[in-house]
Protein backbone atom coordinates (compact mmCIF):
# COMPACT_ATOMS: atom_id res chain seq x y z
CA VAL A 1 -190.23 -56.67 76.58
CA SER A 2 -187.87 -58.44 78.80
CA ASP A 3 -187.19 -58.26 82.38
CA GLU A 4 -183.55 -56.79 81.48
CA ASP A 5 -185.28 -54.02 78.98
CA ARG A 6 -187.91 -52.79 81.75
CA PHE A 7 -185.01 -52.70 84.30
CA ILE A 8 -183.07 -50.63 82.04
CA ASP A 9 -186.19 -48.25 81.18
CA ILE A 10 -186.57 -48.00 84.79
CA GLU A 11 -182.75 -46.80 85.49
CA ILE A 12 -183.31 -44.32 82.70
CA LYS A 13 -186.69 -42.90 84.28
CA LEU A 14 -184.80 -42.75 87.57
CA ALA A 15 -181.82 -40.89 86.09
CA HIS A 16 -183.98 -38.21 84.74
CA GLN A 17 -186.02 -37.87 87.95
CA GLU A 18 -182.82 -37.38 89.83
CA ASN A 19 -181.45 -35.04 87.26
CA LEU A 20 -184.74 -32.95 87.43
CA VAL A 21 -184.78 -32.80 91.41
CA GLU A 22 -181.44 -31.57 91.43
CA SER A 23 -182.39 -29.04 88.82
CA LEU A 24 -185.59 -27.88 91.46
CA ASN A 25 -183.09 -27.89 93.96
CA GLN A 26 -180.88 -25.43 92.59
CA THR A 27 -183.57 -23.19 91.35
CA ILE A 28 -184.93 -23.26 94.87
CA TYR A 29 -181.59 -22.37 96.22
CA GLU A 30 -181.34 -19.29 93.59
CA GLN A 31 -184.69 -18.40 94.59
CA GLY A 32 -184.03 -18.44 98.41
CA ARG A 33 -180.77 -16.15 97.72
CA ARG A 34 -182.66 -13.88 95.50
CA ILE A 35 -185.46 -13.47 98.27
CA ASP A 36 -182.65 -12.57 100.83
CA GLN A 37 -181.56 -9.90 98.89
CA LEU A 38 -184.54 -8.41 98.10
CA GLU A 39 -185.47 -8.57 101.79
CA ALA A 40 -182.46 -6.79 102.67
CA MET A 41 -182.97 -4.08 99.79
CA VAL A 42 -186.35 -3.69 101.29
CA ALA A 43 -185.12 -3.47 105.01
CA LYS A 44 -182.55 -0.68 103.70
CA LEU A 45 -185.30 1.30 101.74
CA ALA A 46 -187.59 0.82 104.83
CA GLU A 47 -184.88 2.25 106.82
CA HIS A 48 -183.64 5.30 104.54
CA VAL A 49 -187.36 6.30 104.50
CA ARG A 50 -187.65 6.21 108.41
CA VAL A 51 -184.35 8.25 108.81
CA LEU A 52 -185.74 10.76 106.01
CA ARG A 53 -189.05 10.95 108.01
CA ASP A 54 -187.23 11.72 111.31
CA ALA A 55 -185.26 14.06 109.78
CA GLY A 56 -188.67 16.15 108.78
CA GLN A 57 -188.00 15.26 105.14
CA GLY A 58 -191.07 13.79 103.39
CA PRO A 59 -191.04 11.41 100.19
CA VAL A 60 -189.74 13.57 97.24
CA ASN A 61 -193.07 13.19 95.40
CA GLU A 62 -195.35 13.74 98.28
CA LYS A 63 -197.89 16.50 97.03
CA PRO A 64 -197.96 19.96 99.31
CA PRO A 65 -200.87 20.30 101.87
CA HIS A 66 -202.96 22.34 99.74
CA TYR A 67 -203.65 19.84 97.02
């Protein structure tokens, strides 16, 4: 195997690794955005539950005290 062939193989492997890193970066970015969305949803739900509790309304599925 010539030095040129080895150099070409290294370039090909490097190109594949760069592509993989870019793909992983995109996946991490998308997951971060989704986590942000989910955190916002949880915060809204927690606020909604707090408002209902403060208004004297318990959770809808709460069992009556005699159970």
